[in-house]
């Protein structure tokens, strides 16, 4: 996880365009807020952990998961994914974060090189098994349960479990952040996916074009599903997304006034 010591610096303003997944919009784009924090040590120091794999050779068993992303292929995550142990999962706030992982200290099974994966699921503890014999995801162990295809890039699958080192890295994503609006009137449940930069979202606010309340904080329901209990039908929706490095991105009018439940709209990107 990110080192908690951070240095503040000014990034300046970045204006970037956006579009709806269903239609284009010519209104102002997204704004990356000026004040940000750099995570000290991000991408540098390595931390020891272990890794296993799950989901089968086609990774079909990794779909869904505790982050709420559903079909990982459709969401753009593919097989470069991992389920995190309790020590790393942070009750779901680590969903979307990216990790570079390499196999170490096992010449029999390790392969050269490293991989970058996105956290998409939770590896639950198993108190019936000891930490060193099957209870790999028990607290306080730092453990990655990787999809089988990506595991095989750093180790032979016959290994089963391998010693690894990992570090947090920035997420490189194509296109903008995706907002999938589910629920119903007075209960807007928004799934946030494809987040670049730090990747893991820690707070979200929503604003309707007709609302006199300005930005309204959303509460995290589960994984990366964020909810609002306000009535927002028939108005354009803007979102402010903040990630764990302190950066905030505003996607203005990302959903048009005629938005509908079950649709996905694409905003700006970090």
Protein backbone atom coordinates (compact mmCIF):
# COMPACT_ATOMS: atom_id res chain seq x y z
CA UNK A 1 0.00 0.00 0.00
CA UNK A 2 0.98 3.61 -0.36
CA UNK A 3 3.42 5.05 2.16
CA UNK A 4 1.50 7.54 4.30
CA UNK A 5 4.20 10.21 4.16
CA UNK A 6 3.28 12.55 1.32
CA UNK A 7 4.67 15.75 -0.08
CA UNK A 8 2.28 18.45 -1.26
CA UNK A 9 2.90 20.12 -4.57
CA UNK A 10 0.96 22.10 -7.12
CA UNK A 11 0.11 20.35 -10.36
CA UNK A 12 -1.72 23.23 -12.05
CA UNK A 13 -4.95 22.84 -13.93
CA UNK A 14 -5.48 20.15 -16.52
CA UNK A 15 -8.48 20.36 -18.79
CA UNK A 16 -9.48 17.19 -20.58
CA UNK A 17 -12.48 16.27 -22.70
CA UNK A 18 -15.06 13.59 -22.06
CA UNK A 19 -17.92 11.83 -23.75
CA UNK A 20 -20.92 9.73 -22.83
CA UNK A 21 -20.72 6.06 -23.62
CA UNK A 22 -23.94 6.52 -25.55
CA UNK A 23 -23.71 10.05 -26.98
CA UNK A 24 -21.31 12.94 -27.33
CA UNK A 25 -21.63 16.09 -25.27
CA UNK A 26 -20.15 19.47 -26.17
CA UNK A 27 -20.30 20.97 -22.65
CA UNK A 28 -17.16 21.77 -20.63
CA UNK A 29 -14.92 18.84 -19.88
CA UNK A 30 -13.22 17.61 -16.75
CA UNK A 31 -10.95 19.41 -14.34
CA UNK A 32 -8.09 17.88 -12.40
CA UNK A 33 -8.01 19.97 -9.24
CA UNK A 34 -4.84 21.95 -8.71
CA UNK A 35 -3.71 20.70 -5.31
CA UNK A 36 -2.43 17.17 -5.18
CA UNK A 37 -0.16 15.01 -3.05
CA UNK A 38 2.74 12.90 -4.22
CA UNK A 39 3.00 9.57 -2.47
CA UNK A 40 6.49 9.36 -1.08
CA UNK A 41 8.11 6.07 -1.97
CA UNK A 42 5.52 5.10 -4.58
CA UNK A 43 7.15 2.96 -7.26
CA UNK A 44 10.40 2.64 -5.30
CA UNK A 45 10.64 0.39 -2.25
CA UNK A 46 9.57 -3.24 -2.51
CA UNK A 47 7.65 -5.13 0.19
CA UNK A 48 7.70 -8.89 0.77
CA UNK A 49 4.53 -10.94 0.29
CA UNK A 50 3.31 -14.20 -1.24
CA UNK A 51 1.12 -15.02 -4.23
CA UNK A 52 -1.11 -17.84 -5.42
CA UNK A 53 -3.59 -18.04 -8.31
CA UNK A 54 -7.27 -18.78 -8.84
CA UNK A 55 -10.01 -18.64 -11.43
CA UNK A 56 -8.83 -21.28 -13.89
CA UNK A 57 -6.65 -21.08 -16.98
CA UNK A 58 -9.15 -18.76 -18.69
CA UNK A 59 -9.61 -16.62 -15.57
CA UNK A 60 -13.39 -17.13 -15.77
CA UNK A 61 -13.49 -17.67 -12.01
CA UNK A 62 -12.16 -14.17 -11.36
CA UNK A 63 -15.24 -12.43 -12.79
CA UNK A 64 -17.45 -10.50 -10.38
CA UNK A 65 -15.72 -10.16 -7.06
CA UNK A 66 -15.81 -7.96 -3.98
CA UNK A 67 -14.99 -4.73 -5.83
CA UNK A 68 -18.20 -4.92 -7.85
CA UNK A 69 -16.56 -4.66 -11.26
CA UNK A 70 -18.55 -7.53 -12.77
CA UNK A 71 -17.16 -8.77 -16.09
CA UNK A 72 -13.49 -7.83 -15.92
CA UNK A 73 -13.08 -8.14 -19.69
CA UNK A 74 -15.90 -5.69 -20.38
CA UNK A 75 -14.52 -3.26 -17.81
CA UNK A 76 -11.05 -3.31 -19.39
CA UNK A 77 -9.19 -5.10 -16.60
CA UNK A 78 -8.79 -8.40 -18.42
CA UNK A 79 -6.69 -11.00 -16.63
CA UNK A 80 -4.18 -8.58 -15.08
CA UNK A 81 -6.01 -8.76 -11.79
CA UNK A 82 -5.57 -9.80 -8.17
CA UNK A 83 -7.60 -10.57 -5.08
CA UNK A 84 -6.04 -8.98 -1.99
CA UNK A 85 -5.76 -10.36 1.52
CA UNK A 86 -7.32 -8.51 4.46
CA UNK A 87 -4.04 -6.73 5.20
CA UNK A 88 -4.09 -5.13 1.73
CA UNK A 89 -7.79 -4.91 0.86
CA UNK A 90 -8.58 -2.07 3.29
CA UNK A 91 -12.29 -3.00 3.44
CA UNK A 92 -12.58 -2.40 -0.30
CA UNK A 93 -10.91 1.00 -0.49
CA UNK A 94 -7.92 -0.62 -2.25
CA UNK A 95 -10.13 -1.69 -5.16
CA UNK A 96 -8.72 -0.27 -8.38
CA UNK A 97 -5.20 0.21 -7.05
CA UNK A 98 -2.31 -1.11 -9.14
CA UNK A 99 0.61 -3.21 -7.98
CA UNK A 100 3.84 -4.29 -9.62
CA UNK A 101 4.76 -7.81 -8.52
CA UNK A 102 7.79 -10.01 -9.10
CA UNK A 103 8.66 -13.53 -8.00
CA UNK A 104 11.76 -13.69 -5.76
CA UNK A 105 14.01 -16.13 -3.91
CA UNK A 106 12.76 -19.30 -5.58
CA UNK A 107 14.99 -20.34 -8.47
CA UNK A 108 12.98 -23.51 -9.03
CA UNK A 109 9.71 -21.75 -9.85
CA UNK A 110 10.33 -18.04 -10.46
CA UNK A 111 10.41 -16.56 -13.95
CA UNK A 112 12.20 -13.29 -14.76
CA UNK A 113 10.38 -9.99 -15.02
CA UNK A 114 7.43 -8.44 -13.26
CA UNK A 115 3.70 -7.89 -13.78
CA UNK A 116 1.30 -5.03 -13.04
CA UNK A 117 -2.15 -5.98 -11.75
CA UNK A 118 -5.25 -4.13 -10.61
CA UNK A 119 -6.98 -5.04 -7.34
CA UNK A 120 -10.44 -6.35 -8.29
CA UNK A 121 -11.35 -8.81 -5.55
CA UNK A 122 -10.91 -9.88 -1.92
CA UNK A 123 -9.09 -13.00 -0.80
CA UNK A 124 -10.94 -14.01 2.38
CA UNK A 125 -9.16 -15.42 5.42
CA UNK A 126 -9.59 -19.06 6.40
CA UNK A 127 -9.26 -19.35 10.16
CA UNK A 128 -9.54 -23.14 9.95
CA UNK A 129 -6.12 -23.33 8.32
CA UNK A 130 -2.75 -22.12 9.66
CA UNK A 131 -1.14 -19.12 8.00
CA UNK A 132 1.66 -21.23 6.54
CA UNK A 133 -0.50 -24.11 5.29
CA UNK A 134 -3.51 -22.92 3.34
CA UNK A 135 -4.50 -19.84 5.31
CA UNK A 136 -2.51 -17.68 2.94
CA UNK A 137 -4.89 -14.72 3.18
CA UNK A 138 -5.23 -14.73 6.95
CA UNK A 139 -4.34 -11.50 8.77
CA UNK A 140 -1.73 -10.13 9.03
CA UNK A 141 -0.33 -11.75 5.87
CA UNK A 142 0.16 -9.67 2.75
CA UNK A 143 -1.01 -11.90 -0.05
CA UNK A 144 -2.04 -11.66 -3.71
CA UNK A 145 -4.32 -14.27 -5.24
CA UNK A 146 -3.64 -13.65 -8.93
CA UNK A 147 -5.56 -14.77 -11.98
CA UNK A 148 -3.86 -17.88 -13.32
CA UNK A 149 -2.86 -16.35 -16.69
CA UNK A 150 -1.03 -13.43 -15.08
CA UNK A 151 0.54 -15.66 -12.38
CA UNK A 152 2.16 -17.69 -15.13
CA UNK A 153 4.06 -14.62 -16.32
CA UNK A 154 6.18 -14.62 -13.15
CA UNK A 155 6.19 -18.28 -12.05
CA UNK A 156 5.38 -21.81 -13.12
CA UNK A 157 1.86 -22.79 -12.12
CA UNK A 158 3.13 -26.00 -10.50
CA UNK A 159 4.62 -23.85 -7.76
CA UNK A 160 1.22 -23.21 -6.21
CA UNK A 161 2.44 -20.48 -3.86
CA UNK A 162 5.47 -18.27 -4.41
CA UNK A 163 7.37 -15.59 -2.49
CA UNK A 164 7.01 -12.20 -4.17
CA UNK A 165 7.86 -8.57 -3.73
CA UNK A 166 5.42 -5.82 -4.64
CA UNK A 167 5.12 -2.05 -4.82
CA UNK A 168 2.29 0.35 -5.55
CA UNK A 169 2.46 1.91 -9.01
CA UNK A 170 0.29 4.25 -11.01
CA UNK A 171 -2.52 2.80 -13.09
CA UNK A 172 -2.42 3.40 -16.83
CA UNK A 173 -5.94 3.20 -18.27
CA UNK A 174 -7.33 3.82 -21.74
CA UNK A 175 -10.10 6.38 -22.14
CA UNK A 176 -11.81 8.05 -19.20
CA UNK A 177 -13.28 7.04 -15.86
CA UNK A 178 -16.55 5.12 -16.30
CA UNK A 179 -19.66 5.82 -14.26
CA UNK A 180 -22.32 3.10 -14.42
CA UNK A 181 -25.57 4.31 -12.88
CA UNK A 182 -27.74 1.65 -11.28
CA UNK A 183 -30.51 1.70 -8.69
CA UNK A 184 -33.68 3.76 -8.93
CA UNK A 185 -35.06 7.21 -8.06
CA UNK A 186 -33.79 8.35 -4.64
CA UNK A 187 -31.22 5.55 -4.70
CA UNK A 188 -28.49 6.17 -7.26
CA UNK A 189 -25.84 3.44 -7.08
CA UNK A 190 -22.85 4.39 -9.21
CA UNK A 191 -20.13 1.88 -10.05
CA UNK A 192 -16.83 3.66 -10.77
CA UNK A 193 -14.33 1.82 -12.97
CA UNK A 194 -11.28 2.38 -15.20
CA UNK A 195 -9.64 4.87 -12.87
CA UNK A 196 -6.10 5.91 -13.78
CA UNK A 197 -3.43 7.44 -11.56
CA UNK A 198 -3.59 6.00 -8.05
CA UNK A 199 -6.61 3.98 -9.16
CA UNK A 200 -8.23 3.47 -5.76
CA UNK A 201 -11.11 5.87 -5.12
CA UNK A 202 -11.54 7.12 -1.55
CA UNK A 203 -14.36 9.66 -1.97
CA UNK A 204 -16.96 10.69 -4.55
CA UNK A 205 -19.32 13.65 -4.80
CA UNK A 206 -22.21 14.17 -7.22
CA UNK A 207 -23.96 17.30 -8.47
CA UNK A 208 -27.14 17.66 -10.49
CA UNK A 209 -27.45 20.54 -12.97
CA UNK A 210 -30.73 21.64 -11.34
CA UNK A 211 -29.67 21.06 -7.75
CA UNK A 212 -29.29 24.04 -5.42
CA UNK A 213 -27.25 21.96 -2.96
CA UNK A 214 -24.03 21.98 -4.96
CA UNK A 215 -21.70 19.02 -4.48
CA UNK A 216 -23.21 16.22 -2.41
CA UNK A 217 -20.96 13.57 -0.88
CA UNK A 218 -21.76 10.00 -1.87
CA UNK A 219 -21.33 7.10 0.55
CA UNK A 220 -19.52 3.93 -0.40
CA UNK A 221 -22.00 1.05 -0.48
CA UNK A 222 -19.58 -1.78 -1.25
CA UNK A 223 -16.46 -2.25 -3.37
CA UNK A 224 -16.40 0.73 -5.72
CA UNK A 225 -20.18 1.22 -5.74
CA UNK A 226 -21.08 4.67 -4.43
CA UNK A 227 -24.59 5.76 -3.54
CA UNK A 228 -26.65 8.93 -3.35
CA UNK A 229 -30.18 9.11 -1.95
CA UNK A 230 -31.03 12.36 -3.73
CA UNK A 231 -33.57 12.68 -6.53
CA UNK A 232 -31.49 13.49 -9.60
CA UNK A 233 -33.70 12.38 -12.48
CA UNK A 234 -33.94 14.67 -15.51
CA UNK A 235 -30.76 16.64 -14.88
CA UNK A 236 -27.17 16.42 -16.07
CA UNK A 237 -24.84 14.78 -13.53
CA UNK A 238 -21.31 15.81 -12.62
CA UNK A 239 -18.93 13.76 -10.49
CA UNK A 240 -15.92 14.64 -8.36
CA UNK A 241 -13.64 11.65 -7.76
CA UNK A 242 -10.77 11.66 -5.24
CA UNK A 243 -8.12 8.94 -5.15
CA UNK A 244 -5.81 7.82 -2.36
CA UNK A 245 -2.99 10.16 -3.45
CA UNK A 246 -5.24 13.15 -2.75
CA UNK A 247 -5.88 14.09 -6.37
CA UNK A 248 -9.44 15.03 -7.33
CA UNK A 249 -10.95 15.04 -10.80
CA UNK A 250 -14.20 16.76 -11.71
CA UNK A 251 -16.13 15.39 -14.69
CA UNK A 252 -18.70 18.04 -15.53
CA UNK A 253 -22.09 17.02 -16.96
CA UNK A 254 -20.77 13.56 -17.71
CA UNK A 255 -24.30 12.13 -17.81
CA UNK A 256 -26.77 14.14 -19.94
CA UNK A 257 -30.20 15.21 -18.61
CA UNK A 258 -31.83 12.18 -20.25
CA UNK A 259 -29.51 9.69 -18.56
CA UNK A 260 -31.04 6.36 -17.57
CA UNK A 261 -30.36 3.61 -15.08
CA UNK A 262 -28.18 0.78 -16.33
CA UNK A 263 -26.15 3.04 -18.63
CA UNK A 264 -22.43 3.86 -18.47
CA UNK A 265 -21.02 7.35 -19.06
CA UNK A 266 -17.36 8.22 -19.50
CA UNK A 267 -15.66 11.22 -17.86
CA UNK A 268 -12.15 12.57 -17.74
CA UNK A 269 -9.05 10.74 -16.58
CA UNK A 270 -6.23 11.34 -14.13
